């Protein structure tokens, strides 16, 4: 009779599982935890690598932008009003520019008040520099500014009336322009 009742209850959807144990074994639990840790480790590693790649790309992008801005500033300098002359690789023998050795571009200006300014672009210890020498009412003032760093080479070539300059940065290529 008891067997008949169990069969009827099973057929009608009432399942009696008094003989079955519920839950997971210890091995199943350890396997699930191990899989979760492995997936978590892979995810964290990939995330860190992605963040580092993003930061490197962002740094290169900022440097490229800075490099292009330097070229625009040099272009603006060499095409501005009041220029008396532009010379490539001028020999500099005065006390204000004695430390400048190697290739350079020298631009001489006269402003509205007839004051003279000389700007010299040159490479100094992997930095592209611009030295400004101003002559105003018998007073000389000298300033030095860094245009950009991480420059491997700065070369100036003169061909007839044209001046070509080349700026090679570390890892970001070469830019060649003509004045």
Foldseek 3Di string as FASTA:
>chain_A
DVVVVQVVCVVVPNHDDPPDDDDDDPVVVVVVVVVVVVVVVVVVVVVVVVVVVVVVVVVLVVQVVLVVVLVVVVVCVVPDPFWPDKDWPDDDDDPQCPVADAIKIWTWGQDPVRKIKIWIWGDDPQFTKIKIWTADPNDIDIDMDTSDGQWDDWHWDDDPPKIKIKTQGVPPGIDIDID
